[in-house]
Structure formats: structure tokens, C-alpha cells
Amino acid sequence: MVCDHDDVMKSMPVSLPKGPFEPSWSSLKKYRVPKWFTDAKLGIFIHWGVYSVPAFGNEWYPRHMYMPDRPEYEYHVKNFGTPDKFGYKDFIPMFTAENWDPDEWAKLFERAGARYVVLVAEHHDGFALWNTSYTRWNSVSMGPKRDIVGELAEAVRRRGLIFGVSYHRAEHWWFFEPGTRIDSDVKNPRYWDLYGPAKKASLNPRDPPGPENQYPDKEFLDDWLLRAIELVEKYRPQLFYFDWWIENPAFEPYLKFFAAYYYNKAEKWDLGVVVTYKNRAFPEGTAVLDIERGKLGDIYPHPWQTDTSVDYLSWGYIKNAKYKTPDVVVRDLVDIVSKNGNLLLNIGPKPDGEIPEEARRILLSLGEWLSVNGEAIYSSKPWRVYGEGPTKSLSGQFIEDKEPPYTPQDIRFTVRDTYPYGEVLYAITMAMPKEGEEITVRSLGTHMRLGKEIEFVEVLGSKEATEWRVEPDGLKVRMPKTSSKYCAAIKIVFKKQ
């Protein structure tokens, strides 16, 4: 869908605030990613909502429970009744948050080493976790009876962390459509303000429109925009995450308008802000690319982000979660940072507000690793190459279960340009070497002609002197005893030129 500037301005339900940005891609290319984001490297993502009550399948339970061919439907009928007698809305009173302590969450995220926190303010199910004026289906009026967005924003900011929101309402256009095909409460007009529009639409946002693929109408798009702007105005988030379906062409003028609105407000408030997108929803350089459950295969010229979960199976809480091990999470962080990216790591709290113990363990293990090796991660930049080693790096979305096993000879690089002793390079192994094992950093052999000499080498977390030497085929490092786990960071300081 193509709209010129005047059409965009006239069609929107709210006025554009004054500022340097106009709702056009050419104007939005003036955007620059803030330093806090490029320095942060690690954020915490939180999927918490009514879908955590049934805790079965994944966070798409609200849709799948209305599909008779799905295991969620069978589970729902067996445990709660048929969807005409017990619908998704009936889980809301069970989403209580009675044990939720936002300050405890914030403290945990800080201990995990995160620098920003992103809460899903509204998922595909249409239940808002903030004090909104646009729907009665929200956490202040129902369920927890608390402003979850507001309380968490205050808690994480007290810890010096950046707060952001995730907004998935675009997918609500079609999310409950299966409930219109069976005998269910989705058909009841009393609940249409929760379940509607429930249209038939393709999950591929770029499929052409037609009877079986209805594009969002102006009423829905206006409401989508107003809710997003309300989040910006009420809570001033510094990161605004969108899921994939905004790539539908009907959203294009609204995305341009929202980005211009948000960036102009950020200028007024003197806040560095980030909008994330997937696939091709935004042109390169107008916002930050996000890769879901995957990564890029090489250094990307712009800052980017991976979002993934501690659970292989779900973003929200489920009873049969398949949790990752801490070494997998650390390795992912190292690989992503070496390619100019950030890791947004998701957890799914229980409906009472407690974070599952295994998720807590992963976060604390990550924090322990960063307490030793954080200088190789935070505020770092990519080097000349992202890494080296025998194992090929994969690229793309939804590839994390296809990752090959890595070895200590697989290395990722990060660099700091300014340092008391000169430039410093970090060579981080993608698996933990054994004490006494020799690591060869082939990119630092005398054959590479770097034009600089190494001043000294040490392994972070070790109190022992590190044995090292430079040979034609690489820098040879004998691994000392170190307190680090999972991955070892070799610090290489060059002589001043």
C-alpha cells in the first residue's frame, strides 16, 4: 500500500507531534540507534498473560483451543469443558498475579546482567496489561487488577535498567477466527470487543488480499495505532517491539506515522528509543531488525537483535517446558554480539507472578558468566571478522534447534577501540577449553600482517599468568585455571601505535 505524506497526515486519528521526523521512509532514515542499545547487548523479554493459566502448548493456546484438530482443543475440553461453556475469557479471573513482586523481578534481571527489559504489553489474545482507555479487557479492570506495564516500568527503572514494551495487536485481526467456525463463546456479541474482528486472513502477511485473506480495515488500524500511542504517552518506553504481521501492506502508512510520532516524542523527552521489526516491515536504517529464534551468519552493518526464549517450546509459561542449558544461552549471546547484535532473552512467568525455578537458574548462570566476562560483551564492537573455527555458523530465523555442536577452537571476536593500554581484542571460545588445552587464534598469526604487536594476553577470570606466543599460523594460548564457565574470553591487548 502506497500513501503520500498528505494522505498519511489526513487519515490518522491523531496529530503528529512536531519534530525532525515526518511519516515517510526517506525522513525516517535520519534515525540513529541510541548508544544505550548498542552498549547494552542483553535484554530480558517477558511473555506473561492469560495464556499462562492453561499452561499448555504455547502462548497460541487462545487460538488453538478453538480448533478441534489441535491437541489444545482436546486438552481444553477434558480439563475445562467445551468452548461454548468455557471460553478463553473465563481464564481471566484465574490470571491473578497474587505472588507478583515487580521489584523482585527487576532485581533478578539485574543479577542476570540485563541492561533492558521488554514486557509484552498486549499479545495476540487482545488482553492489555496496562491501564488503557481503549478496551475493558485489561489487567487493571480484570484479573490481577494491577497496571502491570506501569508497575514493572517503575521497578526496572529504579534498578537503572531501560524499559520497553512489545505490542502484538496486529495479529489480533485474525487470531480468534477459528472460534467463529464452531459452537463457541467467540460468536457471542457480548464478548466481541475481546474476540473480534476474528477475520479470515493468511498468516503470511504479504499474501494478496481476497475472500480467504482479508486485510485490516481502517477501524482496526486506527485502534491499533491509538493503543500503541497510548503506551508511548503513558509509559515512555525506550524500546517498542513489533511482531511479524505488521509486514502486511495495510500497516505501512501506520508504521511510518507511528515511527515518526515515537521518534519525535523521544526527541522532545531527550530519550534514545528503538523500534524493532522483523523481515521487511521497515526499510533498513529506519528501525532495528529483529531475528526470531535465530541469528545472522555474519557481521551486520547496523545494530540488530535476536529474540529467543529460555524454553524451546513456548514463549509463555507451560508445565512441560523444555529449557535450554546455560551454556547454550551464553554461546548464543557471544555469537550474536560478535556480529553487532543484541540478545533479547525471554522468560514466561506463572499466572501467579512467580518465575519458574529453572528459568531463574538460567538467568543467574548467565549473570555469573557476565560478572567474569562482561568486559568482552558490554559496549563492545565487532572486529574485522566475527569469528573463526571449524564449525559453520548458521543464519536465519527459527534455526536454534539446528545449531551444530561447537568446539573450543570455534572463536568469536569483540573489540574495544579505547583502552588504557591501547586497543583490546577479545577472542571468546564457543565451548569451554580444558585447563592446559592450547587454543590457536588463527586470525592473529604473523601471516595476517595486522600492523601491530601484542602487548599481553590474559584469560578473564584467571589469577594465573597466561602462557602465549605468536606463530605463523596463529596466536597460541595455553588455557589457565579460570572461574569462567561455558565459554572462555581471551583478552588480547595491542601495543600503542
Protein backbone atom coordinates (compact mmCIF):
# COMPACT_ATOMS: atom_id res chain seq x y z
CA MET A 1 0.00 0.00 0.00
CA VAL A 2 1.47 3.34 -1.03
CA CYS A 3 0.36 6.63 0.51
CA ASP A 4 1.91 10.03 0.08
CA HIS A 5 2.68 12.30 3.02
CA ASP A 6 -0.55 14.32 2.82
CA ASP A 7 -2.73 11.20 2.70
CA VAL A 8 -0.99 9.81 5.79
CA MET A 9 -1.43 13.05 7.73
CA LYS A 10 -5.11 13.37 6.86
CA SER A 11 -6.10 9.76 7.54
CA MET A 12 -4.62 9.32 11.01
CA PRO A 13 -6.81 9.52 14.14
CA VAL A 14 -4.23 11.65 15.97
CA SER A 15 -1.96 14.56 15.08
CA LEU A 16 1.75 14.16 14.51
CA PRO A 17 3.83 15.96 17.18
CA LYS A 18 6.37 18.50 15.96
CA GLY A 19 9.88 17.25 15.46
CA PRO A 20 12.51 16.31 12.91
CA PHE A 21 10.70 13.22 11.60
CA GLU A 22 7.91 13.02 9.04
CA PRO A 23 5.89 9.86 8.22
CA SER A 24 7.97 8.91 5.18
CA TRP A 25 10.71 6.34 4.79
CA SER A 26 13.11 8.98 3.50
CA SER A 27 12.61 11.09 6.63
CA LEU A 28 12.82 8.08 8.97
CA LYS A 29 16.23 7.18 7.53
CA LYS A 30 17.58 10.05 9.62
CA TYR A 31 17.03 7.84 12.67
CA ARG A 32 20.11 6.76 14.63
CA VAL A 33 20.22 3.84 17.06
CA PRO A 34 20.91 5.14 20.61
CA LYS A 35 24.15 4.31 22.38
CA TRP A 36 22.36 2.64 25.31
CA PHE A 37 21.13 -0.07 22.93
CA THR A 38 24.46 -0.72 21.22
CA ASP A 39 26.18 -0.86 24.63
CA ALA A 40 23.54 -3.00 26.39
CA LYS A 41 23.90 -6.30 24.45
CA LEU A 42 21.42 -8.16 26.71
CA GLY A 43 17.74 -7.61 27.43
CA ILE A 44 15.01 -9.64 29.13
CA PHE A 45 11.77 -10.36 27.25
CA ILE A 46 8.62 -11.31 29.23
CA HIS A 47 5.58 -13.16 27.85
CA TRP A 48 3.05 -13.10 30.67
CA GLY A 49 -0.69 -13.11 30.28
CA VAL A 50 -3.95 -15.02 30.46
CA TYR A 51 -2.44 -17.75 28.25
CA SER A 52 -0.17 -18.68 31.19
CA VAL A 53 -3.21 -20.06 33.07
CA PRO A 54 -3.88 -23.19 30.95
CA ALA A 55 -0.06 -23.51 30.59
CA PHE A 56 -0.38 -25.99 27.73
CA GLY A 57 1.03 -25.98 24.21
CA ASN A 58 2.29 -22.42 23.98
CA GLU A 59 1.10 -18.81 24.03
CA TRP A 60 -1.09 -19.54 20.99
CA TYR A 61 -3.42 -21.58 23.21
CA PRO A 62 -6.16 -18.89 22.86
CA ARG A 63 -6.40 -19.62 19.13
CA HIS A 64 -5.69 -23.34 19.15
CA MET A 65 -8.27 -24.13 21.85
CA TYR A 66 -10.97 -23.33 19.24
CA MET A 67 -9.53 -25.71 16.62
CA PRO A 68 -10.92 -29.28 17.00
CA ASP A 69 -7.93 -30.83 15.21
CA ARG A 70 -5.46 -29.38 17.72
CA PRO A 71 -4.24 -31.03 20.98
CA GLU A 72 -5.09 -27.78 22.79
CA TYR A 73 -8.79 -28.30 21.95
CA GLU A 74 -8.74 -31.85 23.32
CA TYR A 75 -6.91 -30.68 26.44
CA HIS A 76 -9.35 -27.82 26.92
CA VAL A 77 -12.47 -29.95 26.63
CA LYS A 78 -11.05 -32.56 29.00
CA ASN A 79 -9.97 -30.07 31.67
CA PHE A 80 -12.32 -27.08 31.34
CA GLY A 81 -15.26 -28.01 29.13
CA THR A 82 -16.37 -27.21 25.61
CA PRO A 83 -15.53 -23.73 24.22
CA ASP A 84 -19.19 -22.65 24.25
CA LYS A 85 -19.37 -23.31 28.01
CA PHE A 86 -15.81 -22.27 28.99
CA GLY A 87 -14.10 -19.89 26.61
CA TYR A 88 -10.79 -18.10 26.73
CA LYS A 89 -12.34 -15.16 28.60
CA ASP A 90 -13.10 -17.50 31.51
CA PHE A 91 -9.37 -17.88 32.24
CA ILE A 92 -9.07 -14.16 33.07
CA PRO A 93 -10.18 -14.45 36.76
CA MET A 94 -7.53 -17.19 37.14
CA PHE A 95 -4.77 -14.83 35.98
CA THR A 96 -4.27 -13.48 39.49
CA ALA A 97 -0.63 -12.33 39.86
CA GLU A 98 -1.08 -12.75 43.62
CA ASN A 99 2.62 -13.51 44.15
CA TRP A 100 3.95 -10.94 41.71
CA ASP A 101 6.65 -8.64 43.06
CA PRO A 102 7.95 -6.35 40.28
CA ASP A 103 10.90 -5.28 42.41
CA GLU A 104 11.97 -8.90 42.84
CA TRP A 105 11.76 -9.36 39.07
CA ALA A 106 13.87 -6.26 38.47
CA LYS A 107 16.49 -7.44 40.96
CA LEU A 108 16.70 -10.82 39.21
CA PHE A 109 17.05 -9.22 35.79
CA GLU A 110 19.84 -7.01 37.09
CA ARG A 111 21.64 -10.05 38.53
CA ALA A 112 21.26 -11.75 35.15
CA GLY A 113 23.31 -8.95 33.62
CA ALA A 114 20.48 -7.49 31.55
CA ARG A 115 20.54 -3.81 30.67
CA TYR A 116 16.96 -3.54 29.38
CA VAL A 117 13.60 -5.23 29.99
CA VAL A 118 10.78 -5.65 27.45
CA LEU A 119 7.29 -6.69 28.59
CA VAL A 120 4.62 -7.96 26.20
CA ALA A 121 2.00 -5.29 26.84
CA GLU A 122 -0.57 -6.96 24.60
CA HIS A 123 -0.25 -10.30 22.86
CA HIS A 124 -2.36 -11.71 20.03
CA ASP A 125 -5.13 -12.53 22.53
CA GLY A 126 -6.10 -8.85 22.89
CA PHE A 127 -5.79 -8.68 26.69
CA ALA A 128 -3.94 -5.49 27.62
CA LEU A 129 -1.58 -5.39 30.61
CA TRP A 130 -1.85 -1.64 31.14
CA ASN A 131 -4.36 0.98 32.22
CA THR A 132 -5.87 1.52 28.80
CA SER A 133 -8.84 3.59 27.78
CA TYR A 134 -9.47 1.56 24.61
CA THR A 135 -10.70 -1.77 26.00
CA ARG A 136 -12.32 -3.12 29.16
CA TRP A 137 -10.28 -6.29 28.68
CA ASN A 138 -7.22 -5.20 30.63
CA SER A 139 -5.27 -6.14 33.75
CA VAL A 140 -6.43 -3.11 35.72
CA SER A 141 -10.14 -3.82 35.28
CA MET A 142 -9.93 -7.63 35.41
CA GLY A 143 -7.70 -10.48 36.56
CA PRO A 144 -4.78 -9.07 38.57
CA LYS A 145 -6.45 -5.63 38.93
CA ARG A 146 -2.97 -4.08 38.53
CA ASP A 147 -1.24 -1.89 35.98
CA ILE A 148 1.42 -4.42 35.08
CA VAL A 149 3.17 -2.25 32.49
CA GLY A 150 3.29 0.74 34.85
CA GLU A 151 4.47 -1.15 37.91
CA LEU A 152 7.19 -3.04 36.06
CA ALA A 153 8.40 0.12 34.32
CA GLU A 154 8.90 1.81 37.68
CA ALA A 155 10.62 -1.23 39.19
CA VAL A 156 13.18 -1.76 36.44
CA ARG A 157 13.95 1.95 36.17
CA ARG A 158 14.69 2.04 39.90
CA ARG A 159 17.41 -0.51 39.14
CA GLY A 160 18.84 1.67 36.37
CA LEU A 161 17.54 -0.59 33.59
CA ILE A 162 15.87 0.54 30.38
CA PHE A 163 12.17 -0.33 29.98
CA GLY A 164 10.45 -1.34 26.75
CA VAL A 165 7.18 -2.87 25.57
CA SER A 166 6.15 -5.43 22.99
CA TYR A 167 2.90 -4.92 21.11
CA HIS A 168 1.31 -7.77 19.13
CA ARG A 169 -2.15 -6.42 18.37
CA ALA A 170 -1.66 -6.63 14.60
CA GLU A 171 -2.16 -10.41 14.79
CA HIS A 172 -5.43 -9.98 16.70
CA TRP A 173 -7.15 -9.18 13.40
CA TRP A 174 -7.38 -12.93 12.69
CA PHE A 175 -6.37 -14.61 15.94
CA PHE A 176 -9.78 -15.84 17.17
CA GLU A 177 -11.22 -16.63 13.73
CA PRO A 178 -11.27 -20.42 14.39
CA GLY A 179 -13.81 -19.76 17.16
CA THR A 180 -16.29 -18.49 14.54
CA ARG A 181 -16.31 -21.90 12.82
CA ILE A 182 -17.51 -23.90 15.84
CA ASP A 183 -20.00 -23.54 18.66
CA SER A 184 -18.07 -21.23 20.98
CA ASP A 185 -18.25 -18.03 23.01
CA VAL A 186 -16.33 -16.23 20.25
CA LYS A 187 -19.69 -15.89 18.46
CA ASN A 188 -21.37 -14.23 21.44
CA PRO A 189 -21.86 -10.47 20.78
CA ARG A 190 -21.24 -9.75 24.49
CA TYR A 191 -17.61 -10.68 24.05
CA TRP A 192 -16.96 -9.36 20.56
CA ASP A 193 -14.91 -6.49 21.99
CA LEU A 194 -12.41 -9.14 23.15
CA TYR A 195 -12.57 -11.72 20.38
CA GLY A 196 -13.25 -9.53 17.34
CA PRO A 197 -12.55 -8.87 14.50
CA ALA A 198 -11.72 -12.62 14.11
CA LYS A 199 -11.30 -12.32 10.33
CA LYS A 200 -10.07 -14.86 7.85
CA ALA A 201 -6.51 -13.93 6.94
CA SER A 202 -3.27 -15.52 5.82
CA LEU A 203 -0.53 -15.89 8.40
CA ASN A 204 1.83 -14.86 5.62
CA PRO A 205 1.36 -11.08 5.86
CA ARG A 206 2.40 -10.45 2.26
CA ASP A 207 -0.14 -12.76 0.63
CA PRO A 208 -2.53 -10.81 -1.64
CA PRO A 209 -5.99 -9.87 -0.28
CA GLY A 210 -9.08 -11.90 -1.10
CA PRO A 211 -12.12 -13.58 0.47
CA GLU A 212 -9.88 -16.00 2.39
CA ASN A 213 -7.30 -13.31 3.20
CA GLN A 214 -8.97 -10.14 4.42
CA TYR A 215 -6.71 -7.15 5.02
CA PRO A 216 -7.22 -5.00 8.17
CA ASP A 217 -9.73 -2.18 7.74
CA LYS A 218 -9.38 1.46 8.84
CA GLU A 219 -11.32 0.95 12.08
CA PHE A 220 -8.92 -1.78 13.21
CA LEU A 221 -5.83 0.10 12.05
CA ASP A 222 -6.88 3.30 13.82
CA ASP A 223 -7.47 1.37 17.04
CA TRP A 224 -4.10 -0.39 16.60
CA LEU A 225 -2.37 2.98 16.30
CA LEU A 226 -4.20 4.63 19.21
CA ARG A 227 -3.32 1.81 21.62
CA ALA A 228 0.33 1.95 20.56
CA ILE A 229 0.44 5.71 21.04
CA GLU A 230 -1.23 5.39 24.43
CA LEU A 231 1.60 3.08 25.52
CA VAL A 232 4.14 5.65 24.35
CA GLU A 233 2.44 8.59 26.05
CA LYS A 234 1.67 6.88 29.37
CA TYR A 235 4.86 4.91 29.94
CA ARG A 236 7.57 6.40 27.69
CA PRO A 237 9.14 3.04 26.78
CA GLN A 238 12.57 3.23 25.18
CA LEU A 239 12.07 0.13 23.07
CA PHE A 240 8.93 -0.71 21.11
CA TYR A 241 8.87 -4.26 19.71
CA PHE A 242 6.57 -5.39 16.90
CA ASP A 243 5.90 -8.97 15.84
CA TRP A 244 5.90 -10.12 12.23
CA TRP A 245 2.35 -9.42 10.96
CA ILE A 246 2.88 -5.64 10.73
CA GLU A 247 4.51 -6.62 7.44
CA ASN A 248 1.01 -6.74 5.95
CA PRO A 249 0.91 -3.84 3.43
CA ALA A 250 -2.17 -2.31 5.10
CA PHE A 251 0.04 -1.31 8.06
CA GLU A 252 2.66 0.57 6.05
CA PRO A 253 1.30 4.13 6.40
CA TYR A 254 0.53 3.48 10.07
CA LEU A 255 4.05 2.20 10.72
CA LYS A 256 5.54 5.31 9.15
CA PHE A 257 3.24 7.51 11.19
CA PHE A 258 3.90 5.65 14.45
CA ALA A 259 7.68 5.73 13.99
CA ALA A 260 7.63 9.48 13.23
CA TYR A 261 5.36 10.08 16.24
CA TYR A 262 7.56 7.99 18.56
CA TYR A 263 10.85 9.42 17.34
CA ASN A 264 9.56 13.00 17.62
CA LYS A 265 8.34 12.36 21.17
CA ALA A 266 11.72 10.85 22.03
CA GLU A 267 13.45 13.99 20.78
CA LYS A 268 11.18 16.12 22.97
CA TRP A 269 11.76 13.89 26.02
CA ASP A 270 15.51 13.57 25.28
CA LEU A 271 15.27 9.76 25.27
CA GLY A 272 17.04 7.38 22.93
CA VAL A 273 14.43 4.97 21.60
CA VAL A 274 14.34 1.83 19.46
CA VAL A 275 11.63 0.30 17.26
CA THR A 276 12.24 -3.34 16.30
CA TYR A 277 10.75 -5.10 13.30
CA LYS A 278 11.01 -8.45 11.52
CA ASN A 279 11.61 -9.38 7.90
CA ARG A 280 10.89 -6.37 5.64
CA ALA A 281 8.32 -4.41 7.65
CA PHE A 282 10.68 -1.39 7.86
CA PRO A 283 13.38 -0.37 5.37
CA GLU A 284 16.95 -0.85 6.55
CA GLY A 285 18.17 2.06 8.64
CA THR A 286 14.76 3.31 9.81
CA ALA A 287 14.45 0.94 12.82
CA VAL A 288 16.23 -2.12 14.28
CA LEU A 289 15.99 -5.54 12.64
CA ASP A 290 14.92 -8.40 14.92
CA ILE A 291 15.58 -12.10 14.19
CA GLU A 292 13.26 -14.56 15.95
CA ARG A 293 14.82 -17.72 17.41
CA GLY A 294 17.82 -17.42 15.11
CA LYS A 295 20.73 -15.19 14.17
CA LEU A 296 22.65 -13.68 11.30
CA GLY A 297 25.53 -15.51 9.69
CA ASP A 298 27.95 -12.60 9.58
CA ILE A 299 28.53 -9.07 10.85
CA TYR A 300 25.59 -6.80 10.02
CA PRO A 301 26.40 -3.12 9.36
CA HIS A 302 23.54 -1.92 11.58
CA PRO A 303 22.78 -2.85 15.20
CA TRP A 304 20.26 -5.70 15.30
CA GLN A 305 18.64 -8.06 17.80
CA THR A 306 17.78 -11.72 18.28
CA ASP A 307 14.76 -12.57 20.40
CA THR A 308 14.55 -16.08 21.77
CA SER A 309 13.27 -17.88 24.85
CA VAL A 310 14.82 -19.94 27.62
CA ASP A 311 12.22 -22.56 26.61
CA TYR A 312 12.49 -24.28 23.22
CA LEU A 313 8.73 -24.95 23.11
CA SER A 314 6.98 -21.77 24.20
CA TRP A 315 7.32 -18.07 24.95
CA GLY A 316 4.69 -18.18 27.70
CA TYR A 317 4.70 -20.44 30.75
CA ILE A 318 3.82 -24.09 30.13
CA LYS A 319 4.03 -27.03 32.51
CA ASN A 320 6.16 -29.22 30.22
CA ALA A 321 8.76 -26.61 29.24
CA LYS A 322 11.93 -27.79 27.52
CA TYR A 323 14.51 -25.44 28.97
CA LYS A 324 17.84 -24.61 27.40
CA THR A 325 21.05 -25.15 29.31
CA PRO A 326 23.04 -22.07 30.44
CA ASP A 327 25.92 -22.87 28.09
CA VAL A 328 23.58 -22.65 25.08
CA VAL A 329 22.36 -19.22 26.18
CA VAL A 330 25.89 -17.91 26.81
CA ARG A 331 27.10 -19.23 23.45
CA ASP A 332 24.19 -17.54 21.67
CA LEU A 333 24.95 -14.24 23.39
CA VAL A 334 28.61 -14.42 22.37
CA ASP A 335 27.82 -15.29 18.73
CA ILE A 336 25.18 -12.56 18.39
CA VAL A 337 27.32 -9.84 19.96
CA SER A 338 30.26 -10.72 17.68
CA LYS A 339 28.01 -9.89 14.70
CA ASN A 340 26.86 -6.49 16.02
CA GLY A 341 23.67 -7.78 17.64
CA ASN A 342 21.87 -7.85 20.99
CA LEU A 343 20.18 -10.80 22.68
CA LEU A 344 16.62 -10.34 23.99
CA LEU A 345 16.10 -13.40 26.18
CA ASN A 346 12.54 -14.37 27.07
CA ILE A 347 11.02 -15.91 30.19
CA GLY A 348 7.43 -16.99 30.83
CA PRO A 349 6.23 -16.37 34.41
CA LYS A 350 3.46 -18.41 36.04
CA PRO A 351 -0.02 -16.86 36.32
CA ASP A 352 0.61 -16.00 39.99
CA GLY A 353 3.68 -13.96 39.01
CA GLU A 354 6.38 -16.40 40.06
CA ILE A 355 9.24 -17.05 37.64
CA PRO A 356 9.84 -20.81 37.20
CA GLU A 357 12.88 -22.03 39.09
CA GLU A 358 14.64 -23.39 36.01
CA ALA A 359 14.26 -20.04 34.23
CA ARG A 360 15.69 -18.30 37.30
CA ARG A 361 18.65 -20.69 37.29
CA ILE A 362 19.41 -19.91 33.64
CA LEU A 363 19.28 -16.17 34.28
CA LEU A 364 21.53 -16.37 37.32
CA SER A 365 24.02 -18.59 35.48
CA LEU A 366 24.13 -16.07 32.65
CA GLY A 367 24.71 -13.30 35.18
CA GLU A 368 27.57 -15.23 36.78
CA TRP A 369 29.26 -15.63 33.40
CA LEU A 370 28.85 -11.93 32.64
CA SER A 371 30.25 -10.96 36.04
CA VAL A 372 33.51 -12.55 34.91
CA ASN A 373 33.44 -11.85 31.18
CA GLY A 374 31.20 -8.80 30.84
CA GLU A 375 34.01 -6.53 29.66
CA ALA A 376 34.19 -8.63 26.47
CA ILE A 377 30.46 -8.09 25.86
CA TYR A 378 29.12 -4.76 27.11
CA SER A 379 29.95 -1.70 24.96
CA SER A 380 31.97 -3.87 22.61
CA LYS A 381 32.00 -3.67 18.81
CA PRO A 382 32.54 -6.21 16.05
CA TRP A 383 36.11 -6.81 14.90
CA ARG A 384 37.34 -7.28 11.31
CA VAL A 385 35.70 -10.72 11.24
CA TYR A 386 33.06 -12.10 13.58
CA GLY A 387 34.96 -15.30 14.25
CA GLU A 388 36.78 -18.38 13.08
CA GLY A 389 36.82 -22.12 13.59
CA PRO A 390 35.80 -25.42 12.06
CA THR A 391 32.06 -25.13 12.72
CA LYS A 392 29.93 -23.29 10.16
CA SER A 393 27.68 -20.54 11.57
CA LEU A 394 24.01 -20.75 10.58
CA SER A 395 21.85 -17.82 9.52
CA GLY A 396 18.11 -17.12 9.61
CA GLN A 397 15.06 -17.32 11.84
CA PHE A 398 13.86 -20.41 13.75
CA ILE A 399 17.18 -22.25 13.44
CA GLU A 400 18.21 -22.58 17.07
CA ASP A 401 17.34 -26.29 17.26
CA LYS A 402 19.54 -26.86 14.19
CA GLU A 403 22.71 -25.38 15.67
CA PRO A 404 25.74 -27.70 15.38
CA PRO A 405 27.91 -28.53 18.41
CA TYR A 406 30.77 -26.06 18.84
CA THR A 407 34.35 -26.69 19.95
CA PRO A 408 36.86 -24.59 21.92
CA GLN A 409 38.60 -23.87 18.58
CA ASP A 410 35.45 -22.06 17.39
CA ILE A 411 36.09 -18.45 18.34
CA ARG A 412 34.12 -15.19 18.28
CA PHE A 413 35.69 -11.74 18.40
CA THR A 414 34.71 -8.46 20.04
CA VAL A 415 36.79 -5.32 20.31
CA ARG A 416 37.14 -2.09 22.27
CA ASP A 417 38.71 0.82 20.45
CA THR A 418 39.77 2.77 23.52
CA TYR A 419 41.55 1.21 26.46
CA PRO A 420 44.25 2.38 28.91
CA TYR A 421 46.82 0.13 27.23
CA GLY A 422 45.65 0.64 23.65
CA GLU A 423 43.23 -1.35 21.53
CA VAL A 424 41.93 -4.54 23.12
CA LEU A 425 40.54 -7.57 21.34
CA TYR A 426 38.59 -10.43 22.91
CA ALA A 427 38.69 -13.92 21.45
CA ILE A 428 35.85 -15.89 23.06
CA THR A 429 35.71 -19.65 22.69
CA MET A 430 32.31 -21.15 21.79
CA ALA A 431 32.91 -24.09 24.13
CA MET A 432 34.90 -24.26 27.36
CA PRO A 433 38.51 -25.43 26.88
CA LYS A 434 40.07 -27.77 29.40
CA GLU A 435 42.73 -26.42 31.74
CA GLY A 436 46.07 -26.72 29.94
CA GLU A 437 44.49 -27.02 26.49
CA GLU A 438 46.14 -24.92 23.79
CA ILE A 439 43.90 -22.62 21.77
CA THR A 440 45.06 -21.28 18.41
CA VAL A 441 43.64 -17.93 17.32
CA ARG A 442 44.40 -18.17 13.62
CA SER A 443 43.35 -14.62 12.80
CA LEU A 444 46.32 -13.38 14.85
CA GLY A 445 49.13 -15.32 13.18
CA THR A 446 52.16 -13.48 11.83
CA HIS A 447 50.91 -14.27 8.30
CA MET A 448 47.94 -11.92 8.86
CA ARG A 449 50.14 -8.77 8.85
CA LEU A 450 47.99 -6.85 11.31
CA GLY A 451 50.47 -4.00 11.53
CA LYS A 452 50.50 -4.09 15.32
CA GLU A 453 52.16 -6.08 18.08
CA ILE A 454 50.55 -7.81 21.04
CA GLU A 455 51.39 -6.26 24.42
CA PHE A 456 49.99 -9.02 26.62
CA VAL A 457 47.36 -11.77 26.76
CA GLU A 458 45.22 -12.94 29.68
CA VAL A 459 42.16 -15.10 30.21
CA LEU A 460 39.33 -13.38 32.06
CA GLY A 461 38.54 -14.98 35.41
CA SER A 462 42.05 -16.37 35.88
CA LYS A 463 44.51 -15.27 38.54
CA GLU A 464 47.34 -17.10 36.80
CA ALA A 465 49.68 -15.68 34.20
CA THR A 466 48.66 -16.82 30.73
CA GLU A 467 51.21 -18.58 28.53
CA TRP A 468 51.08 -17.30 24.97
CA ARG A 469 53.18 -16.96 21.85
CA VAL A 470 52.65 -15.80 18.27
CA GLU A 471 53.49 -18.20 15.46
CA PRO A 472 52.86 -18.04 11.72
CA ASP A 473 49.59 -19.97 11.97
CA GLY A 474 48.18 -18.05 14.91
CA LEU A 475 48.31 -16.81 18.48
CA LYS A 476 48.84 -19.83 20.76
CA VAL A 477 47.23 -19.57 24.20
CA ARG A 478 47.61 -22.19 26.96
CA MET A 479 44.37 -22.22 28.96
CA PRO A 480 45.00 -21.45 32.64
CA LYS A 481 42.68 -22.24 35.53
CA THR A 482 39.74 -19.82 35.36
CA SER A 483 36.49 -19.17 37.21
CA SER A 484 34.68 -18.84 33.89
CA LYS A 485 32.25 -21.49 32.70
CA TYR A 486 30.73 -22.33 29.31
CA CYS A 487 32.93 -20.01 27.18
CA ALA A 488 36.38 -18.55 27.87
CA ALA A 489 37.26 -14.95 26.98
CA ILE A 490 40.87 -14.39 25.95
CA LYS A 491 41.85 -10.74 26.32
CA ILE A 492 44.47 -9.54 23.82
CA VAL A 493 45.92 -6.06 24.29
CA PHE A 494 47.92 -4.47 21.47
CA LYS A 495 50.80 -2.06 21.88
CA LYS A 496 50.01 1.57 21.29
CA GLN A 497 50.90 2.70 17.78
